[in-house]
C-alpha atoms as a PDB file:
ATOM      1  CA  MET A   1     -44.877  58.878 -25.137  1.00  0.00           C
ATOM      2  CA  THR A   2     -46.589  55.801 -26.554  1.00  0.00           C
ATOM      3  CA  ALA A   3     -47.452  53.165 -23.973  1.00  0.00           C
ATOM      4  CA  PRO A   4     -45.688  49.796 -24.393  1.00  0.00           C
ATOM      5  CA  PRO A   5     -47.879  47.119 -25.983  1.00  0.00           C
ATOM      6  CA  THR A   6     -49.843  44.770 -23.774  1.00  0.00           C
ATOM      7  CA  HIS A   7     -49.738  41.245 -25.149  1.00  0.00           C
ATOM      8  CA  PRO A   8     -52.410  38.653 -24.322  1.00  0.00           C
ATOM      9  CA  PHE A   9     -49.662  36.285 -23.152  1.00  0.00           C
ATOM     10  CA  GLU A  10     -46.086  36.453 -21.909  1.00  0.00           C
ATOM     11  CA  VAL A  11     -43.647  37.308 -24.704  1.00  0.00           C
ATOM     12  CA  ASN A  12     -39.990  36.371 -24.182  1.00  0.00           C
ATOM     13  CA  ASP A  13     -36.814  36.834 -26.195  1.00  0.00           C
ATOM     14  CA  ALA A  14     -34.496  33.823 -26.421  1.00  0.00           C
ATOM     15  CA  TYR A  15     -31.469  35.567 -27.937  1.00  0.00           C
ATOM     16  CA  THR A  16     -30.003  39.020 -27.300  1.00  0.00           C
ATOM     17  CA  HIS A  17     -26.683  40.690 -26.569  1.00  0.00           C
ATOM     18  CA  CYS A  18     -25.501  43.387 -24.206  1.00  0.00           C
ATOM     19  CA  GLY A  19     -22.170  44.436 -22.763  1.00  0.00           C
ATOM     20  CA  LEU A  20     -19.766  47.217 -21.908  1.00  0.00           C
ATOM     21  CA  SER A  21     -17.117  46.748 -24.601  1.00  0.00           C
ATOM     22  CA  LYS A  22     -19.606  46.195 -27.440  1.00  0.00           C
ATOM     23  CA  TYR A  23     -23.311  46.851 -27.990  1.00  0.00           C
ATOM     24  CA  TYR A  24     -25.204  48.462 -25.083  1.00  0.00           C
ATOM     25  CA  PRO A  25     -25.395  47.915 -21.332  1.00  0.00           C
ATOM     26  CA  TYR A  26     -28.222  45.879 -19.903  1.00  0.00           C
ATOM     27  CA  GLU A  27     -30.244  48.971 -19.005  1.00  0.00           C
ATOM     28  CA  THR A  28     -30.557  49.826 -22.699  1.00  0.00           C
ATOM     29  CA  LEU A  29     -31.519  46.271 -23.580  1.00  0.00           C
ATOM     30  CA  ARG A  30     -34.122  46.197 -20.808  1.00  0.00           C
ATOM     31  CA  GLY A  31     -35.533  49.505 -22.030  1.00  0.00           C
ATOM     32  CA  THR A  32     -36.033  48.030 -25.505  1.00  0.00           C
ATOM     33  CA  LEU A  33     -37.634  44.902 -24.082  1.00  0.00           C
ATOM     34  CA  ASP A  34     -40.005  46.968 -21.967  1.00  0.00           C
ATOM     35  CA  GLU A  35     -40.944  49.127 -24.945  1.00  0.00           C
ATOM     36  CA  ALA A  36     -41.758  45.977 -26.915  1.00  0.00           C
ATOM     37  CA  GLY A  37     -43.688  44.341 -24.074  1.00  0.00           C
ATOM     38  CA  VAL A  38     -41.139  41.540 -23.619  1.00  0.00           C
ATOM     39  CA  THR A  39     -40.734  39.972 -20.174  1.00  0.00           C
ATOM     40  CA  ARG A  40     -37.874  37.470 -20.035  1.00  0.00           C
ATOM     41  CA  VAL A  41     -34.659  37.355 -21.994  1.00  0.00           C
ATOM     42  CA  THR A  42     -31.648  35.200 -22.741  1.00  0.00           C
ATOM     43  CA  ILE A  43     -28.439  37.204 -23.052  1.00  0.00           C
ATOM     44  CA  VAL A  44     -25.681  35.576 -25.102  1.00  0.00           C
ATOM     45  CA  GLN A  45     -22.117  36.751 -24.663  1.00  0.00           C
ATOM     46  CA  HIS A  46     -20.903  38.459 -27.816  1.00  0.00           C
ATOM     47  CA  MET A  47     -17.991  37.154 -29.833  1.00  0.00           C
ATOM     48  CA  GLY A  48     -14.558  38.264 -28.704  1.00  0.00           C
ATOM     49  CA  GLU A  49     -15.561  38.930 -25.088  1.00  0.00           C
ATOM     50  CA  TYR A  50     -14.296  36.260 -22.703  1.00  0.00           C
ATOM     51  CA  ASP A  51     -14.788  38.193 -19.478  1.00  0.00           C
ATOM     52  CA  ASN A  52     -18.253  37.077 -18.464  1.00  0.00           C
ATOM     53  CA  SER A  53     -18.351  38.997 -15.180  1.00  0.00           C
ATOM     54  CA  TYR A  54     -20.615  41.809 -16.400  1.00  0.00           C
ATOM     55  CA  LEU A  55     -23.279  39.406 -17.633  1.00  0.00           C
ATOM     56  CA  ALA A  56     -22.936  37.350 -14.449  1.00  0.00           C
ATOM     57  CA  GLY A  57     -23.727  40.473 -12.437  1.00  0.00           C
ATOM     58  CA  VAL A  58     -26.809  41.166 -14.540  1.00  0.00           C
ATOM     59  CA  ILE A  59     -28.033  37.607 -14.074  1.00  0.00           C
ATOM     60  CA  ARG A  60     -27.597  37.748 -10.295  1.00  0.00           C
ATOM     61  CA  GLU A  61     -29.712  40.882 -10.136  1.00  0.00           C
ATOM     62  CA  GLU A  62     -32.434  39.593 -12.476  1.00  0.00           C
ATOM     63  CA  ARG A  63     -32.588  35.813 -12.114  1.00  0.00           C
ATOM     64  CA  ASP A  64     -36.346  35.750 -12.595  1.00  0.00           C
ATOM     65  CA  ARG A  65     -36.095  37.556 -15.938  1.00  0.00           C
ATOM     66  CA  VAL A  66     -32.605  36.890 -17.336  1.00  0.00           C
ATOM     67  CA  ALA A  67     -30.880  33.687 -18.448  1.00  0.00           C
ATOM     68  CA  GLY A  68     -27.273  33.867 -19.599  1.00  0.00           C
ATOM     69  CA  VAL A  69     -24.966  32.161 -22.083  1.00  0.00           C
ATOM     70  CA  CYS A  70     -21.226  32.509 -21.518  1.00  0.00           C
ATOM     71  CA  LEU A  71     -18.293  32.381 -23.916  1.00  0.00           C
ATOM     72  CA  VAL A  72     -14.775  31.037 -23.441  1.00  0.00           C
ATOM     73  CA  ASN A  73     -11.766  31.432 -25.711  1.00  0.00           C
ATOM     74  CA  HIS A  74     -11.464  28.029 -27.334  1.00  0.00           C
ATOM     75  CA  ARG A  75      -7.851  28.786 -28.281  1.00  0.00           C
ATOM     76  CA  ASP A  76      -6.876  29.261 -24.644  1.00  0.00           C
ATOM     77  CA  PRO A  77      -5.361  26.030 -23.266  1.00  0.00           C
ATOM     78  CA  ARG A  78      -7.248  26.744 -20.015  1.00  0.00           C
ATOM     79  CA  ALA A  79     -10.649  26.928 -21.717  1.00  0.00           C
ATOM     80  CA  ARG A  80     -11.791  23.569 -20.318  1.00  0.00           C
ATOM     81  CA  ASP A  81     -10.947  24.623 -16.769  1.00  0.00           C
ATOM     82  CA  GLN A  82     -12.610  28.001 -17.276  1.00  0.00           C
ATOM     83  CA  LEU A  83     -15.772  26.323 -18.492  1.00  0.00           C
ATOM     84  CA  GLU A  84     -15.815  24.063 -15.458  1.00  0.00           C
ATOM     85  CA  ALA A  85     -15.386  27.049 -13.132  1.00  0.00           C
ATOM     86  CA  ILE A  86     -18.228  28.936 -14.827  1.00  0.00           C
ATOM     87  CA  ALA A  87     -20.520  25.931 -14.559  1.00  0.00           C
ATOM     88  CA  GLY A  88     -19.668  25.577 -10.892  1.00  0.00           C
ATOM     89  CA  GLU A  89     -20.561  29.203 -10.151  1.00  0.00           C
ATOM     90  CA  GLY A  90     -24.062  28.589 -11.456  1.00  0.00           C
ATOM     91  CA  ASP A  91     -24.806  31.951 -13.038  1.00  0.00           C
ATOM     92  CA  PHE A  92     -24.812  30.831 -16.657  1.00  0.00           C
ATOM     93  CA  LYS A  93     -27.138  28.173 -17.996  1.00  0.00           C
ATOM     94  CA  GLY A  94     -25.383  27.771 -21.324  1.00  0.00           C
ATOM     95  CA  VAL A  95     -22.223  28.270 -23.352  1.00  0.00           C
ATOM     96  CA  ARG A  96     -21.933  29.626 -26.870  1.00  0.00           C
ATOM     97  CA  LEU A  97     -20.095  27.329 -29.265  1.00  0.00           C
ATOM     98  CA  THR A  98     -19.596  28.062 -32.945  1.00  0.00           C
ATOM     99  CA  SER A  99     -18.973  25.294 -35.445  1.00  0.00           C
ATOM    100  CA  GLU A 100     -15.393  26.537 -35.760  1.00  0.00           C
ATOM    101  CA  MET A 101     -14.916  26.127 -32.008  1.00  0.00           C
ATOM    102  CA  ILE A 102     -16.379  22.638 -32.154  1.00  0.00           C
ATOM    103  CA  PHE A 103     -14.093  21.618 -35.022  1.00  0.00           C
ATOM    104  CA  GLU A 104     -10.965  22.960 -33.297  1.00  0.00           C
ATOM    105  CA  ARG A 105     -11.770  21.925 -29.719  1.00  0.00           C
ATOM    106  CA  PRO A 106     -14.409  19.175 -29.755  1.00  0.00           C
ATOM    107  CA  GLU A 107     -13.514  18.372 -26.152  1.00  0.00           C
ATOM    108  CA  LEU A 108     -15.139  21.677 -25.119  1.00  0.00           C
ATOM    109  CA  LEU A 109     -18.437  20.490 -26.551  1.00  0.00           C
ATOM    110  CA  MET A 110     -18.102  17.234 -24.630  1.00  0.00           C
ATOM    111  CA  ALA A 111     -17.134  19.113 -21.481  1.00  0.00           C
ATOM    112  CA  ALA A 112     -20.126  21.407 -21.728  1.00  0.00           C
ATOM    113  CA  ALA A 113     -22.427  18.435 -22.181  1.00  0.00           C
ATOM    114  CA  HIS A 114     -20.833  16.665 -19.216  1.00  0.00           C
ATOM    115  CA  LEU A 115     -21.213  19.783 -17.052  1.00  0.00           C
ATOM    116  CA  GLY A 116     -24.880  20.088 -17.921  1.00  0.00           C
ATOM    117  CA  LEU A 117     -24.531  23.392 -19.747  1.00  0.00           C
ATOM    118  CA  ILE A 118     -26.910  24.157 -22.582  1.00  0.00           C
ATOM    119  CA  ILE A 119     -25.091  24.291 -25.933  1.00  0.00           C
ATOM    120  CA  GLN A 120     -26.042  27.527 -27.679  1.00  0.00           C
ATOM    121  CA  ALA A 121     -24.881  26.309 -31.090  1.00  0.00           C
ATOM    122  CA  MET A 122     -23.846  28.977 -33.574  1.00  0.00           C
ATOM    123  CA  PRO A 123     -22.982  27.090 -36.763  1.00  0.00           C
ATOM    124  CA  HIS A 124     -21.096  28.871 -39.527  1.00  0.00           C
ATOM    125  CA  HIS A 125     -20.570  25.781 -41.679  1.00  0.00           C
ATOM    126  CA  ALA A 126     -22.805  23.370 -43.551  1.00  0.00           C
ATOM    127  CA  PRO A 127     -24.735  21.041 -41.212  1.00  0.00           C
ATOM    128  CA  ALA A 128     -23.101  17.926 -42.643  1.00  0.00           C
ATOM    129  CA  GLY A 129     -19.876  19.069 -40.956  1.00  0.00           C
ATOM    130  CA  TRP A 130     -21.021  19.989 -37.427  1.00  0.00           C
ATOM    131  CA  VAL A 131     -24.103  17.845 -36.828  1.00  0.00           C
ATOM    132  CA  PRO A 132     -22.047  14.656 -36.211  1.00  0.00           C
ATOM    133  CA  TYR A 133     -20.273  16.398 -33.325  1.00  0.00           C
ATOM    134  CA  ILE A 134     -23.620  17.267 -31.736  1.00  0.00           C
ATOM    135  CA  GLU A 135     -24.763  13.693 -32.264  1.00  0.00           C
ATOM    136  CA  ALA A 136     -21.614  12.388 -30.570  1.00  0.00           C
ATOM    137  CA  ALA A 137     -22.137  14.637 -27.530  1.00  0.00           C
ATOM    138  CA  ILE A 138     -25.746  13.505 -27.173  1.00  0.00           C
ATOM    139  CA  THR A 139     -24.737   9.854 -27.530  1.00  0.00           C
ATOM    140  CA  ARG A 140     -22.196  10.185 -24.730  1.00  0.00           C
ATOM    141  CA  HIS A 141     -24.373  12.473 -22.594  1.00  0.00           C
ATOM    142  CA  PRO A 142     -28.028  11.713 -23.398  1.00  0.00           C
ATOM    143  CA  GLY A 143     -29.319  14.613 -21.303  1.00  0.00           C
ATOM    144  CA  THR A 144     -27.533  17.198 -23.444  1.00  0.00           C
ATOM    145  CA  ARG A 145     -29.624  20.213 -24.404  1.00  0.00           C
ATOM    146  CA  VAL A 146     -28.882  22.208 -27.545  1.00  0.00           C
ATOM    147  CA  MET A 147     -30.359  25.428 -28.890  1.00  0.00           C
ATOM    148  CA  LEU A 148     -29.691  25.947 -32.610  1.00  0.00           C
ATOM    149  CA  SER A 149     -29.143  29.661 -33.222  1.00  0.00           C
ATOM    150  CA  HIS A 150     -30.304  31.799 -36.121  1.00  0.00           C
ATOM    151  CA  LEU A 151     -32.324  29.224 -38.058  1.00  0.00           C
ATOM    152  CA  ALA A 152     -29.248  26.951 -37.955  1.00  0.00           C
ATOM    153  CA  THR A 153     -27.697  29.326 -40.532  1.00  0.00           C
ATOM    154  CA  PRO A 154     -29.191  28.257 -43.865  1.00  0.00           C
ATOM    155  CA  ARG A 155     -27.715  29.509 -47.151  1.00  0.00           C
ATOM    156  CA  LEU A 156     -29.962  31.399 -49.546  1.00  0.00           C
ATOM    157  CA  GLN A 157     -28.341  29.711 -52.528  1.00  0.00           C
ATOM    158  CA  ASP A 158     -30.003  26.518 -51.296  1.00  0.00           C
ATOM    159  CA  ALA A 159     -33.506  28.001 -51.526  1.00  0.00           C
ATOM    160  CA  PRO A 160     -36.290  27.134 -51.881  1.00  0.00           C
ATOM    161  CA  ASP A 161     -35.943  23.545 -50.639  1.00  0.00           C
ATOM    162  CA  PHE A 162     -32.810  24.095 -48.486  1.00  0.00           C
ATOM    163  CA  ALA A 163     -31.845  20.445 -48.955  1.00  0.00           C
ATOM    164  CA  PRO A 164     -28.472  20.769 -47.164  1.00  0.00           C
ATOM    165  CA  GLN A 165     -30.376  21.506 -43.936  1.00  0.00           C
ATOM    166  CA  GLN A 166     -31.591  17.902 -43.783  1.00  0.00           C
ATOM    167  CA  PRO A 167     -29.033  16.890 -41.097  1.00  0.00           C
ATOM    168  CA  VAL A 168     -30.518  19.621 -38.880  1.00  0.00           C
ATOM    169  CA  TRP A 169     -33.984  18.143 -39.206  1.00  0.00           C
ATOM    170  CA  GLU A 170     -32.597  14.719 -38.372  1.00  0.00           C
ATOM    171  CA  LEU A 171     -31.272  16.158 -35.088  1.00  0.00           C
ATOM    172  CA  ALA A 172     -34.884  16.753 -34.102  1.00  0.00           C
ATOM    173  CA  ARG A 173     -35.227  13.117 -33.103  1.00  0.00           C
ATOM    174  CA  HIS A 174     -33.326  14.071 -29.940  1.00  0.00           C
ATOM    175  CA  PRO A 175     -35.751  15.737 -27.510  1.00  0.00           C
ATOM    176  CA  GLY A 176     -33.013  17.934 -26.059  1.00  0.00           C
ATOM    177  CA  VAL A 177     -32.357  19.724 -29.362  1.00  0.00           C
ATOM    178  CA  TRP A 178     -34.379  22.885 -29.963  1.00  0.00           C
ATOM    179  CA  PHE A 179     -34.606  25.359 -32.847  1.00  0.00           C
ATOM    180  CA  GLN A 180     -34.424  29.132 -32.654  1.00  0.00           C
ATOM    181  CA  VAL A 181     -36.163  31.493 -35.080  1.00  0.00           C
ATOM    182  CA  SER A 182     -33.877  34.502 -34.872  1.00  0.00           C
ATOM    183  CA  PHE A 183     -31.960  37.083 -36.881  1.00  0.00           C
ATOM    184  CA  PRO A 184     -33.721  36.588 -40.242  1.00  0.00           C
ATOM    185  CA  SER A 185     -32.296  39.942 -41.398  1.00  0.00           C
ATOM    186  CA  ARG A 186     -28.960  38.121 -41.652  1.00  0.00           C
ATOM    187  CA  TYR A 187     -30.358  36.383 -44.731  1.00  0.00           C
ATOM    188  CA  ALA A 188     -32.859  38.734 -46.356  1.00  0.00           C
ATOM    189  CA  PRO A 189     -34.393  42.181 -45.827  1.00  0.00           C
ATOM    190  CA  TYR A 190     -37.652  42.572 -43.935  1.00  0.00           C
ATOM    191  CA  PRO A 191     -40.024  40.713 -44.048  1.00  0.00           C
ATOM    192  CA  HIS A 192     -37.366  38.016 -44.691  1.00  0.00           C
ATOM    193  CA  GLU A 193     -39.588  35.837 -46.865  1.00  0.00           C
ATOM    194  CA  PRO A 194     -36.763  33.837 -48.541  1.00  0.00           C
ATOM    195  CA  VAL A 195     -36.144  31.966 -45.280  1.00  0.00           C
ATOM    196  CA  TYR A 196     -39.793  31.174 -44.549  1.00  0.00           C
ATOM    197  CA  PRO A 197     -39.363  27.659 -46.015  1.00  0.00           C
ATOM    198  CA  VAL A 198     -36.704  26.997 -43.364  1.00  0.00           C
ATOM    199  CA  ILE A 199     -39.127  27.998 -40.614  1.00  0.00           C
ATOM    200  CA  ALA A 200     -41.812  25.764 -42.106  1.00  0.00           C
ATOM    201  CA  GLN A 201     -39.395  22.823 -42.275  1.00  0.00           C
ATOM    202  CA  ALA A 202     -38.351  23.436 -38.666  1.00  0.00           C
ATOM    203  CA  VAL A 203     -41.978  23.341 -37.540  1.00  0.00           C
ATOM    204  CA  GLU A 204     -42.447  20.039 -39.330  1.00  0.00           C
ATOM    205  CA  ALA A 205     -39.262  18.526 -37.880  1.00  0.00           C
ATOM    206  CA  PHE A 206     -39.220  19.845 -34.312  1.00  0.00           C
ATOM    207  CA  GLY A 207     -42.880  20.469 -33.728  1.00  0.00           C
ATOM    208  CA  VAL A 208     -44.104  23.762 -32.326  1.00  0.00           C
ATOM    209  CA  GLU A 209     -43.183  22.759 -28.770  1.00  0.00           C
ATOM    210  CA  ARG A 210     -39.408  22.983 -29.410  1.00  0.00           C
ATOM    211  CA  ILE A 211     -39.172  26.254 -31.317  1.00  0.00           C
ATOM    212  CA  VAL A 212     -38.423  29.637 -29.735  1.00  0.00           C
ATOM    213  CA  TRP A 213     -38.228  33.207 -31.002  1.00  0.00           C
ATOM    214  CA  GLY A 214     -35.165  35.408 -30.510  1.00  0.00           C
ATOM    215  CA  SER A 215     -34.333  38.880 -31.757  1.00  0.00           C
ATOM    216  CA  ASN A 216     -30.509  39.036 -31.812  1.00  0.00           C
ATOM    217  CA  TYR A 217     -30.897  42.619 -30.597  1.00  0.00           C
ATOM    218  CA  PRO A 218     -29.067  44.921 -31.124  1.00  0.00           C
ATOM    219  CA  ALA A 219     -27.262  43.299 -34.066  1.00  0.00           C
ATOM    220  CA  SER A 220     -30.638  43.049 -35.802  1.00  0.00           C
ATOM    221  CA  GLY A 221     -31.383  46.781 -35.467  1.00  0.00           C
ATOM    222  CA  GLY A 222     -33.055  49.196 -33.079  1.00  0.00           C
ATOM    223  CA  LEU A 223     -36.467  49.289 -31.452  1.00  0.00           C
ATOM    224  CA  ALA A 224     -38.364  49.729 -34.727  1.00  0.00           C
ATOM    225  CA  GLU A 225     -36.734  46.663 -36.286  1.00  0.00           C
ATOM    226  CA  TYR A 226     -37.188  44.741 -33.051  1.00  0.00           C
ATOM    227  CA  VAL A 227     -40.918  45.378 -32.935  1.00  0.00           C
ATOM    228  CA  ALA A 228     -41.363  44.748 -36.662  1.00  0.00           C
ATOM    229  CA  ASP A 229     -39.653  41.350 -36.472  1.00  0.00           C
ATOM    230  CA  LEU A 230     -41.579  40.372 -33.353  1.00  0.00           C
ATOM    231  CA  ASN A 231     -44.851  41.368 -34.952  1.00  0.00           C
ATOM    232  CA  LEU A 232     -44.212  39.075 -37.907  1.00  0.00           C
ATOM    233  CA  LEU A 233     -44.665  36.247 -35.422  1.00  0.00           C
ATOM    234  CA  LEU A 234     -47.385  37.798 -33.263  1.00  0.00           C
ATOM    235  CA  ASP A 235     -49.476  38.834 -36.272  1.00  0.00           C
ATOM    236  CA  GLY A 236     -49.364  35.385 -37.840  1.00  0.00           C
ATOM    237  CA  LYS A 237     -47.165  36.313 -40.811  1.00  0.00           C
ATOM    238  CA  LEU A 238     -44.629  33.519 -40.291  1.00  0.00           C
ATOM    239  CA  PRO A 239     -45.317  29.927 -41.425  1.00  0.00           C
ATOM    240  CA  VAL A 240     -46.299  28.643 -37.982  1.00  0.00           C
ATOM    241  CA  PRO A 241     -49.770  27.531 -36.854  1.00  0.00           C
ATOM    242  CA  ASP A 242     -51.831  30.298 -35.291  1.00  0.00           C
ATOM    243  CA  ASP A 243     -52.404  28.232 -32.177  1.00  0.00           C
ATOM    244  CA  ALA A 244     -48.621  27.884 -31.707  1.00  0.00           C
ATOM    245  CA  ILE A 245     -47.800  31.600 -31.656  1.00  0.00           C
ATOM    246  CA  GLU A 246     -48.155  31.910 -27.891  1.00  0.00           C
ATOM    247  CA  ALA A 247     -45.777  29.005 -27.303  1.00  0.00           C
ATOM    248  CA  ILE A 248     -43.138  30.127 -29.804  1.00  0.00           C
ATOM    249  CA  ALA A 249     -43.321  33.761 -28.686  1.00  0.00           C
ATOM    250  CA  GLY A 250     -42.902  33.065 -25.011  1.00  0.00           C
ATOM    251  CA  ALA A 251     -43.963  29.853 -23.294  1.00  0.00           C
ATOM    252  CA  ASN A 252     -41.362  27.626 -24.968  1.00  0.00           C
ATOM    253  CA  MET A 253     -38.542  29.998 -24.047  1.00  0.00           C
ATOM    254  CA  ARG A 254     -39.752  30.093 -20.452  1.00  0.00           C
ATOM    255  CA  ARG A 255     -39.815  26.303 -20.335  1.00  0.00           C
ATOM    256  CA  PHE A 256     -36.389  25.800 -21.940  1.00  0.00           C
ATOM    257  CA  TRP A 257     -34.395  28.536 -20.170  1.00  0.00           C
ATOM    258  CA  PHE A 258     -36.263  28.839 -16.875  1.00  0.00           C
ATOM    259  CA  GLY A 259     -37.772  25.371 -16.431  1.00  0.00           C
ATOM    260  CA  GLU A 260     -41.257  26.804 -16.011  1.00  0.00           C
ATOM    261  CA  ASP A 261     -44.392  25.601 -17.773  1.00  0.00           C
END
């Protein structure tokens, strides 16, 4: 058996999934992380699962290594009350909100901001549509923190300049808004070069101190794909400064999700 890699700094994963009804249990996820030499992880509840009890149990057992993002059914009239109850229990640091959820129930976004939950934003629509809602939440609750998932979902037809992403870059003026480099296989096969301009623009807009790496395991593939995608960052193949790799690969995630420098 090949020994797991030893990195010169702490490597953390800011976006994964696990579960009992879909994907794999936490033990499988942790095995993959260990094989890749990854220490801490953020687990995001997968779409369609509104029972967050399994992830809550994982978090309670692994608080030093696991941060969690819950999900509520935005079409349930009780969703606001459920979100408040989850925030009060203190297991989850964030809530997953898609742009569709925000359009249909903008009060959930405001509630999450009021409750101090991190908004794990999963936009499916053009930024011009959902960015104003994020702006409104930040205006009302200036301490709001937002993590933009999956490169803020650019469209390849907008390459190479990706001009419609401009509203995303304008969000960077708010210090609580962060950008996540994750799931590039959603857009292009390995090594995902068509979306490199988006990463470069994110670095320019957010600075290297507010960018994190996430795998989207296991939706992004198995261990081989996991390691290959991680190594694009660690080996300096992505358009980020060499001296920022340590921060993007681990330190920034630790600071955002665990409050540790």
